[in-house]
Amino acid sequence: MNKLTLTVASLIASIGLAGSAFAAGEQKVTFEQLDTNADGFIDRSDVPADHELARLFDSYDMDGDNRLSMVEFRNYTGESETEEAEE
């Protein structure tokens, strides 16, 4: 197998593993990954139904607007603004 084919095969395998881990709620997910329309909020429909956040959505939607702001999402992840700035 040539180097390009091996690289592509490795990338495809990595994406597959990441996708299955995300579906199981095991992988850390970022605000940007869930904010699919980049409007600055995570809508309920942006969260996969089998993700832990889908079950907990209402508990983190503090203002009841059926979407999560960055602050509300940080409450879910336990991150502070300082941690995000370091990444």
PDB file of N, CA and C in Angstrom:
ATOM      1  N   MET A   1       0.851  -1.169   0.000  1.00  0.00           N
ATOM      2  CA  MET A   1       0.000   0.000   0.000  1.00  0.00           C
ATOM      3  C   MET A   1       0.905   1.243   0.000  1.00  0.00           C
ATOM      4  N   ASN A   2       0.595   2.185  -0.860  1.00  0.00           N
ATOM      5  CA  ASN A   2       1.434   3.384  -0.884  1.00  0.00           C
ATOM      6  C   ASN A   2       1.077   4.308   0.278  1.00  0.00           C
ATOM      7  N   LYS A   3       1.942   5.293   0.503  1.00  0.00           N
ATOM      8  CA  LYS A   3       1.791   6.183   1.663  1.00  0.00           C
ATOM      9  C   LYS A   3       0.474   6.960   1.639  1.00  0.00           C
ATOM     10  N   LEU A   4       0.051   7.446   0.470  1.00  0.00           N
ATOM     11  CA  LEU A   4      -1.203   8.198   0.374  1.00  0.00           C
ATOM     12  C   LEU A   4      -2.399   7.320   0.724  1.00  0.00           C
ATOM     13  N   THR A   5      -2.415   6.114   0.199  1.00  0.00           N
ATOM     14  CA  THR A   5      -3.522   5.198   0.485  1.00  0.00           C
ATOM     15  C   THR A   5      -3.580   4.874   1.970  1.00  0.00           C
ATOM     16  N   LEU A   6      -2.422   4.640   2.564  1.00  0.00           N
ATOM     17  CA  LEU A   6      -2.367   4.341   3.990  1.00  0.00           C
ATOM     18  C   LEU A   6      -2.846   5.535   4.817  1.00  0.00           C
ATOM     19  N   THR A   7      -2.450   6.729   4.429  1.00  0.00           N
ATOM     20  CA  THR A   7      -2.873   7.941   5.129  1.00  0.00           C
ATOM     21  C   THR A   7      -4.384   8.127   5.043  1.00  0.00           C
ATOM     22  N   VAL A   8      -4.932   7.948   3.851  1.00  0.00           N
ATOM     23  CA  VAL A   8      -6.379   8.082   3.660  1.00  0.00           C
ATOM     24  C   VAL A   8      -7.125   7.023   4.462  1.00  0.00           C
ATOM     25  N   ALA A   9      -6.647   5.807   4.450  1.00  0.00           N
ATOM     26  CA  ALA A   9      -7.298   4.726   5.205  1.00  0.00           C
ATOM     27  C   ALA A   9      -7.273   5.027   6.700  1.00  0.00           C
ATOM     28  N   SER A  10      -6.147   5.561   7.191  1.00  0.00           N
ATOM     29  CA  SER A  10      -6.044   5.912   8.611  1.00  0.00           C
ATOM     30  C   SER A  10      -7.010   7.034   8.970  1.00  0.00           C
ATOM     31  N   LEU A  11      -7.109   8.027   8.077  1.00  0.00           N
ATOM     32  CA  LEU A  11      -8.018   9.153   8.312  1.00  0.00           C
ATOM     33  C   LEU A  11      -9.468   8.679   8.358  1.00  0.00           C
ATOM     34  N   ILE A  12      -9.850   7.833   7.441  1.00  0.00           N
ATOM     35  CA  ILE A  12     -11.223   7.311   7.408  1.00  0.00           C
ATOM     36  C   ILE A  12     -11.519   6.516   8.675  1.00  0.00           C
ATOM     37  N   ALA A  13     -10.572   5.700   9.106  1.00  0.00           N
ATOM     38  CA  ALA A  13     -10.770   4.921  10.333  1.00  0.00           C
ATOM     39  C   ALA A  13     -10.905   5.847  11.539  1.00  0.00           C
ATOM     40  N   SER A  14     -10.090   6.903  11.594  1.00  0.00           N
ATOM     41  CA  SER A  14     -10.156   7.847  12.708  1.00  0.00           C
ATOM     42  C   SER A  14     -11.497   8.562  12.753  1.00  0.00           C
ATOM     43  N   ILE A  15     -11.978   8.986  11.599  1.00  0.00           N
ATOM     44  CA  ILE A  15     -13.276   9.667  11.532  1.00  0.00           C
ATOM     45  C   ILE A  15     -14.384   8.728  11.987  1.00  0.00           C
ATOM     46  N   GLY A  16     -14.321   7.493  11.565  1.00  0.00           N
ATOM     47  CA  GLY A  16     -15.325   6.507  11.975  1.00  0.00           C
ATOM     48  C   GLY A  16     -15.332   6.291  13.465  1.00  0.00           C
ATOM     49  N   LEU A  17     -14.146   6.174  14.063  1.00  0.00           N
ATOM     50  CA  LEU A  17     -14.059   5.989  15.510  1.00  0.00           C
ATOM     51  C   LEU A  17     -14.535   7.225  16.253  1.00  0.00           C
ATOM     52  N   ALA A  18     -14.178   8.393  15.763  1.00  0.00           N
ATOM     53  CA  ALA A  18     -14.624   9.629  16.403  1.00  0.00           C
ATOM     54  C   ALA A  18     -16.136   9.750  16.331  1.00  0.00           C
ATOM     55  N   GLY A  19     -16.715   9.405  15.211  1.00  0.00           N
ATOM     56  CA  GLY A  19     -18.164   9.477  15.060  1.00  0.00           C
ATOM     57  C   GLY A  19     -18.887   8.554  16.003  1.00  0.00           C
ATOM     58  N   SER A  20     -18.371   7.351  16.170  1.00  0.00           N
ATOM     59  CA  SER A  20     -19.039   6.419  17.074  1.00  0.00           C
ATOM     60  C   SER A  20     -18.868   6.843  18.521  1.00  0.00           C
ATOM     61  N   ALA A  21     -17.718   7.413  18.872  1.00  0.00           N
ATOM     62  CA  ALA A  21     -17.519   7.898  20.233  1.00  0.00           C
ATOM     63  C   ALA A  21     -18.436   9.082  20.519  1.00  0.00           C
ATOM     64  N   PHE A  22     -18.590   9.996  19.549  1.00  0.00           N
ATOM     65  CA  PHE A  22     -19.482  11.145  19.713  1.00  0.00           C
ATOM     66  C   PHE A  22     -20.911  10.664  19.909  1.00  0.00           C
ATOM     67  N   ALA A  23     -21.333   9.694  19.098  1.00  0.00           N
ATOM     68  CA  ALA A  23     -22.697   9.188  19.198  1.00  0.00           C
ATOM     69  C   ALA A  23     -22.959   8.581  20.564  1.00  0.00           C
ATOM     70  N   ALA A  24     -21.928   7.981  21.138  1.00  0.00           N
ATOM     71  CA  ALA A  24     -22.091   7.376  22.449  1.00  0.00           C
ATOM     72  C   ALA A  24     -21.945   8.396  23.569  1.00  0.00           C
ATOM     73  N   GLY A  25     -21.641   9.643  23.220  1.00  0.00           N
ATOM     74  CA  GLY A  25     -21.492  10.680  24.219  1.00  0.00           C
ATOM     75  C   GLY A  25     -20.181  10.598  24.969  1.00  0.00           C
ATOM     76  N   GLU A  26     -19.204   9.867  24.441  1.00  0.00           N
ATOM     77  CA  GLU A  26     -17.949   9.662  25.141  1.00  0.00           C
ATOM     78  C   GLU A  26     -16.893  10.693  24.764  1.00  0.00           C
ATOM     79  N   GLN A  27     -17.017  11.330  23.640  1.00  0.00           N
ATOM     80  CA  GLN A  27     -16.014  12.276  23.185  1.00  0.00           C
ATOM     81  C   GLN A  27     -16.410  13.682  23.602  1.00  0.00           C
ATOM     82  N   LYS A  28     -15.410  14.461  23.983  1.00  0.00           N
ATOM     83  CA  LYS A  28     -15.671  15.858  24.315  1.00  0.00           C
ATOM     84  C   LYS A  28     -16.098  16.578  23.048  1.00  0.00           C
ATOM     85  N   VAL A  29     -17.209  17.251  23.124  1.00  0.00           N
ATOM     86  CA  VAL A  29     -17.736  17.963  21.962  1.00  0.00           C
ATOM     87  C   VAL A  29     -17.656  19.460  22.242  1.00  0.00           C
ATOM     88  N   THR A  30     -17.358  20.232  21.218  1.00  0.00           N
ATOM     89  CA  THR A  30     -17.226  21.676  21.404  1.00  0.00           C
ATOM     90  C   THR A  30     -18.512  22.393  21.018  1.00  0.00           C
ATOM     91  N   PHE A  31     -18.614  23.623  21.494  1.00  0.00           N
ATOM     92  CA  PHE A  31     -19.754  24.470  21.166  1.00  0.00           C
ATOM     93  C   PHE A  31     -19.847  24.635  19.651  1.00  0.00           C
ATOM     94  N   GLU A  32     -18.708  24.879  19.026  1.00  0.00           N
ATOM     95  CA  GLU A  32     -18.676  25.111  17.578  1.00  0.00           C
ATOM     96  C   GLU A  32     -19.137  23.888  16.787  1.00  0.00           C
ATOM     97  N   GLN A  33     -18.827  22.700  17.274  1.00  0.00           N
ATOM     98  CA  GLN A  33     -19.267  21.483  16.590  1.00  0.00           C
ATOM     99  C   GLN A  33     -20.790  21.342  16.629  1.00  0.00           C
ATOM    100  N   LEU A  34     -21.392  21.754  17.721  1.00  0.00           N
ATOM    101  CA  LEU A  34     -22.847  21.614  17.854  1.00  0.00           C
ATOM    102  C   LEU A  34     -23.619  22.789  17.267  1.00  0.00           C
ATOM    103  N   ASP A  35     -22.999  23.952  17.226  1.00  0.00           N
ATOM    104  CA  ASP A  35     -23.651  25.143  16.664  1.00  0.00           C
ATOM    105  C   ASP A  35     -23.542  25.067  15.138  1.00  0.00           C
ATOM    106  N   THR A  36     -24.337  24.193  14.553  1.00  0.00           N
ATOM    107  CA  THR A  36     -24.191  23.860  13.128  1.00  0.00           C
ATOM    108  C   THR A  36     -24.481  25.022  12.187  1.00  0.00           C
ATOM    109  N   ASN A  37     -25.318  25.967  12.597  1.00  0.00           N
ATOM    110  CA  ASN A  37     -25.599  27.100  11.713  1.00  0.00           C
ATOM    111  C   ASN A  37     -24.811  28.349  12.117  1.00  0.00           C
ATOM    112  N   ALA A  38     -23.909  28.198  13.086  1.00  0.00           N
ATOM    113  CA  ALA A  38     -23.012  29.272  13.532  1.00  0.00           C
ATOM    114  C   ALA A  38     -23.749  30.552  13.935  1.00  0.00           C
ATOM    115  N   ASP A  39     -24.894  30.396  14.597  1.00  0.00           N
ATOM    116  CA  ASP A  39     -25.634  31.578  15.043  1.00  0.00           C
ATOM    117  C   ASP A  39     -25.315  31.956  16.488  1.00  0.00           C
ATOM    118  N   GLY A  40     -24.393  31.236  17.105  1.00  0.00           N
ATOM    119  CA  GLY A  40     -24.005  31.556  18.473  1.00  0.00           C
ATOM    120  C   GLY A  40     -24.825  30.835  19.522  1.00  0.00           C
ATOM    121  N   PHE A  41     -25.688  29.915  19.097  1.00  0.00           N
ATOM    122  CA  PHE A  41     -26.516  29.136  20.005  1.00  0.00           C
ATOM    123  C   PHE A  41     -26.579  27.692  19.538  1.00  0.00           C
ATOM    124  N   ILE A  42     -26.797  26.794  20.499  1.00  0.00           N
ATOM    125  CA  ILE A  42     -27.031  25.392  20.167  1.00  0.00           C
ATOM    126  C   ILE A  42     -28.525  25.152  20.312  1.00  0.00           C
ATOM    127  N   ASP A  43     -29.173  24.895  19.200  1.00  0.00           N
ATOM    128  CA  ASP A  43     -30.597  24.565  19.220  1.00  0.00           C
ATOM    129  C   ASP A  43     -30.759  23.100  19.601  1.00  0.00           C
ATOM    130  N   ARG A  44     -31.901  22.778  20.144  1.00  0.00           N
ATOM    131  CA  ARG A  44     -32.180  21.388  20.512  1.00  0.00           C
ATOM    132  C   ARG A  44     -31.952  20.450  19.325  1.00  0.00           C
ATOM    133  N   SER A  45     -32.306  20.886  18.140  1.00  0.00           N
ATOM    134  CA  SER A  45     -32.161  20.041  16.944  1.00  0.00           C
ATOM    135  C   SER A  45     -30.694  19.867  16.529  1.00  0.00           C
ATOM    136  N   ASP A  46     -29.778  20.685  17.063  1.00  0.00           N
ATOM    137  CA  ASP A  46     -28.349  20.554  16.762  1.00  0.00           C
ATOM    138  C   ASP A  46     -27.700  19.393  17.519  1.00  0.00           C
ATOM    139  N   VAL A  47     -28.346  18.927  18.569  1.00  0.00           N
ATOM    140  CA  VAL A  47     -27.773  17.894  19.426  1.00  0.00           C
ATOM    141  C   VAL A  47     -28.304  16.525  18.989  1.00  0.00           C
ATOM    142  N   PRO A  48     -27.398  15.578  18.686  1.00  0.00           N
ATOM    143  CA  PRO A  48     -27.855  14.232  18.324  1.00  0.00           C
ATOM    144  C   PRO A  48     -28.724  13.635  19.433  1.00  0.00           C
ATOM    145  N   ALA A  49     -29.780  12.965  19.057  1.00  0.00           N
ATOM    146  CA  ALA A  49     -30.753  12.439  20.024  1.00  0.00           C
ATOM    147  C   ALA A  49     -30.133  11.486  21.037  1.00  0.00           C
ATOM    148  N   ASP A  50     -29.069  10.764  20.652  1.00  0.00           N
ATOM    149  CA  ASP A  50     -28.471   9.799  21.570  1.00  0.00           C
ATOM    150  C   ASP A  50     -27.323  10.392  22.388  1.00  0.00           C
ATOM    151  N   HIS A  51     -27.094  11.683  22.272  1.00  0.00           N
ATOM    152  CA  HIS A  51     -26.039  12.334  23.052  1.00  0.00           C
ATOM    153  C   HIS A  51     -26.577  12.693  24.434  1.00  0.00           C
ATOM    154  N   GLU A  52     -25.721  12.610  25.425  1.00  0.00           N
ATOM    155  CA  GLU A  52     -26.104  12.926  26.803  1.00  0.00           C
ATOM    156  C   GLU A  52     -26.764  14.304  26.922  1.00  0.00           C
ATOM    157  N   LEU A  53     -26.253  15.277  26.179  1.00  0.00           N
ATOM    158  CA  LEU A  53     -26.792  16.638  26.256  1.00  0.00           C
ATOM    159  C   LEU A  53     -28.249  16.692  25.817  1.00  0.00           C
ATOM    160  N   ALA A  54     -28.659  15.820  24.935  1.00  0.00           N
ATOM    161  CA  ALA A  54     -30.068  15.802  24.508  1.00  0.00           C
ATOM    162  C   ALA A  54     -30.979  15.497  25.699  1.00  0.00           C
ATOM    163  N   ARG A  55     -30.561  14.578  26.545  1.00  0.00           N
ATOM    164  CA  ARG A  55     -31.350  14.235  27.740  1.00  0.00           C
ATOM    165  C   ARG A  55     -31.333  15.359  28.771  1.00  0.00           C
ATOM    166  N   LEU A  56     -30.200  16.069  28.847  1.00  0.00           N
ATOM    167  CA  LEU A  56     -30.020  17.079  29.889  1.00  0.00           C
ATOM    168  C   LEU A  56     -30.304  18.501  29.419  1.00  0.00           C
ATOM    169  N   PHE A  57     -30.716  18.646  28.179  1.00  0.00           N
ATOM    170  CA  PHE A  57     -30.856  19.963  27.549  1.00  0.00           C
ATOM    171  C   PHE A  57     -31.657  20.938  28.412  1.00  0.00           C
ATOM    172  N   ASP A  58     -32.818  20.522  28.878  1.00  0.00           N
ATOM    173  CA  ASP A  58     -33.687  21.420  29.655  1.00  0.00           C
ATOM    174  C   ASP A  58     -33.023  21.896  30.946  1.00  0.00           C
ATOM    175  N   SER A  59     -32.206  21.048  31.575  1.00  0.00           N
ATOM    176  CA  SER A  59     -31.560  21.468  32.817  1.00  0.00           C
ATOM    177  C   SER A  59     -30.500  22.538  32.610  1.00  0.00           C
ATOM    178  N   TYR A  60     -29.935  22.618  31.404  1.00  0.00           N
ATOM    179  CA  TYR A  60     -28.904  23.627  31.130  1.00  0.00           C
ATOM    180  C   TYR A  60     -29.446  24.842  30.376  1.00  0.00           C
ATOM    181  N   ASP A  61     -30.664  24.759  29.879  1.00  0.00           N
ATOM    182  CA  ASP A  61     -31.310  25.886  29.206  1.00  0.00           C
ATOM    183  C   ASP A  61     -31.916  26.783  30.283  1.00  0.00           C
ATOM    184  N   MET A  62     -31.067  27.582  30.901  1.00  0.00           N
ATOM    185  CA  MET A  62     -31.459  28.338  32.080  1.00  0.00           C
ATOM    186  C   MET A  62     -32.532  29.390  31.816  1.00  0.00           C
ATOM    187  N   ASP A  63     -32.566  29.964  30.613  1.00  0.00           N
ATOM    188  CA  ASP A  63     -33.577  30.991  30.338  1.00  0.00           C
ATOM    189  C   ASP A  63     -34.797  30.438  29.604  1.00  0.00           C
ATOM    190  N   GLY A  64     -34.820  29.123  29.354  1.00  0.00           N
ATOM    191  CA  GLY A  64     -35.992  28.487  28.764  1.00  0.00           C
ATOM    192  C   GLY A  64     -36.287  28.884  27.332  1.00  0.00           C
ATOM    193  N   ASP A  65     -35.263  29.299  26.569  1.00  0.00           N
ATOM    194  CA  ASP A  65     -35.509  29.725  25.189  1.00  0.00           C
ATOM    195  C   ASP A  65     -35.299  28.596  24.154  1.00  0.00           C
ATOM    196  N   ASN A  66     -35.166  27.374  24.639  1.00  0.00           N
ATOM    197  CA  ASN A  66     -34.990  26.191  23.783  1.00  0.00           C
ATOM    198  C   ASN A  66     -33.716  26.227  22.951  1.00  0.00           C
ATOM    199  N   ARG A  67     -32.696  26.911  23.481  1.00  0.00           N
ATOM    200  CA  ARG A  67     -31.378  26.897  22.861  1.00  0.00           C
ATOM    201  C   ARG A  67     -30.362  27.187  23.963  1.00  0.00           C
ATOM    202  N   LEU A  68     -29.131  26.753  23.740  1.00  0.00           N
ATOM    203  CA  LEU A  68     -28.081  26.965  24.722  1.00  0.00           C
ATOM    204  C   LEU A  68     -27.123  28.036  24.238  1.00  0.00           C
ATOM    205  N   SER A  69     -26.870  29.004  25.081  1.00  0.00           N
ATOM    206  CA  SER A  69     -25.849  30.014  24.801  1.00  0.00           C
ATOM    207  C   SER A  69     -24.489  29.404  25.151  1.00  0.00           C
ATOM    208  N   MET A  70     -23.432  30.130  24.847  1.00  0.00           N
ATOM    209  CA  MET A  70     -22.090  29.667  25.206  1.00  0.00           C
ATOM    210  C   MET A  70     -21.970  29.494  26.718  1.00  0.00           C
ATOM    211  N   VAL A  71     -22.531  30.408  27.486  1.00  0.00           N
ATOM    212  CA  VAL A  71     -22.476  30.320  28.948  1.00  0.00           C
ATOM    213  C   VAL A  71     -23.209  29.072  29.435  1.00  0.00           C
ATOM    214  N   GLU A  72     -24.390  28.817  28.895  1.00  0.00           N
ATOM    215  CA  GLU A  72     -25.154  27.633  29.294  1.00  0.00           C
ATOM    216  C   GLU A  72     -24.415  26.356  28.907  1.00  0.00           C
ATOM    217  N   PHE A  73     -23.782  26.348  27.733  1.00  0.00           N
ATOM    218  CA  PHE A  73     -23.014  25.183  27.313  1.00  0.00           C
ATOM    219  C   PHE A  73     -21.805  24.975  28.219  1.00  0.00           C
ATOM    220  N   ARG A  74     -21.162  26.064  28.616  1.00  0.00           N
ATOM    221  CA  ARG A  74     -20.021  25.942  29.536  1.00  0.00           C
ATOM    222  C   ARG A  74     -20.461  25.386  30.885  1.00  0.00           C
ATOM    223  N   ASN A  75     -21.662  25.703  31.307  1.00  0.00           N
ATOM    224  CA  ASN A  75     -22.185  25.092  32.536  1.00  0.00           C
ATOM    225  C   ASN A  75     -22.275  23.579  32.364  1.00  0.00           C
ATOM    226  N   TYR A  76     -22.693  23.133  31.192  1.00  0.00           N
ATOM    227  CA  TYR A  76     -22.778  21.698  30.900  1.00  0.00           C
ATOM    228  C   TYR A  76     -21.392  21.046  30.902  1.00  0.00           C
ATOM    229  N   THR A  77     -20.425  21.669  30.237  1.00  0.00           N
ATOM    230  CA  THR A  77     -19.096  21.064  30.119  1.00  0.00           C
ATOM    231  C   THR A  77     -18.238  21.277  31.355  1.00  0.00           C
ATOM    232  N   GLY A  78     -18.612  22.254  32.184  1.00  0.00           N
ATOM    233  CA  GLY A  78     -17.814  22.561  33.353  1.00  0.00           C
ATOM    234  C   GLY A  78     -16.597  23.407  33.017  1.00  0.00           C
ATOM    235  N   GLU A  79     -16.558  23.968  31.806  1.00  0.00           N
ATOM    236  CA  GLU A  79     -15.435  24.797  31.380  1.00  0.00           C
ATOM    237  C   GLU A  79     -15.644  26.237  31.808  1.00  0.00           C
ATOM    238  N   SER A  80     -14.538  26.919  31.989  1.00  0.00           N
ATOM    239  CA  SER A  80     -14.582  28.346  32.256  1.00  0.00           C
ATOM    240  C   SER A  80     -14.076  29.068  31.018  1.00  0.00           C
ATOM    241  N   GLU A  81     -14.254  30.374  30.971  1.00  0.00           N
ATOM    242  CA  GLU A  81     -13.755  31.154  29.850  1.00  0.00           C
ATOM    243  C   GLU A  81     -12.243  31.043  29.743  1.00  0.00           C
ATOM    244  N   THR A  82     -11.557  30.938  30.864  1.00  0.00           N
ATOM    245  CA  THR A  82     -10.107  30.827  30.882  1.00  0.00           C
ATOM    246  C   THR A  82      -9.652  29.549  30.200  1.00  0.00           C
ATOM    247  N   GLU A  83     -10.316  28.430  30.481  1.00  0.00           N
ATOM    248  CA  GLU A  83      -9.942  27.154  29.857  1.00  0.00           C
ATOM    249  C   GLU A  83     -10.104  27.220  28.362  1.00  0.00           C
ATOM    250  N   GLU A  84     -11.181  27.832  27.875  1.00  0.00           N
ATOM    251  CA  GLU A  84     -11.401  27.910  26.434  1.00  0.00           C
ATOM    252  C   GLU A  84     -10.344  28.780  25.763  1.00  0.00           C
ATOM    253  N   ALA A  85      -9.947  29.855  26.408  1.00  0.00           N
ATOM    254  CA  ALA A  85      -8.930  30.751  25.842  1.00  0.00           C
ATOM    255  C   ALA A  85      -7.582  30.054  25.723  1.00  0.00           C
ATOM    256  N   GLU A  86      -7.295  29.110  26.606  1.00  0.00           N
ATOM    257  CA  GLU A  86      -6.029  28.385  26.572  1.00  0.00           C
ATOM    258  C   GLU A  86      -5.962  27.382  25.442  1.00  0.00           C
ATOM    259  N   GLU A  87      -7.093  26.915  24.932  1.00  0.00           N
ATOM    260  CA  GLU A  87      -7.118  25.887  23.890  1.00  0.00           C
ATOM    261  C   GLU A  87      -6.755  26.407  22.585  1.00  0.00           C
TER     262      GLU A  87
END
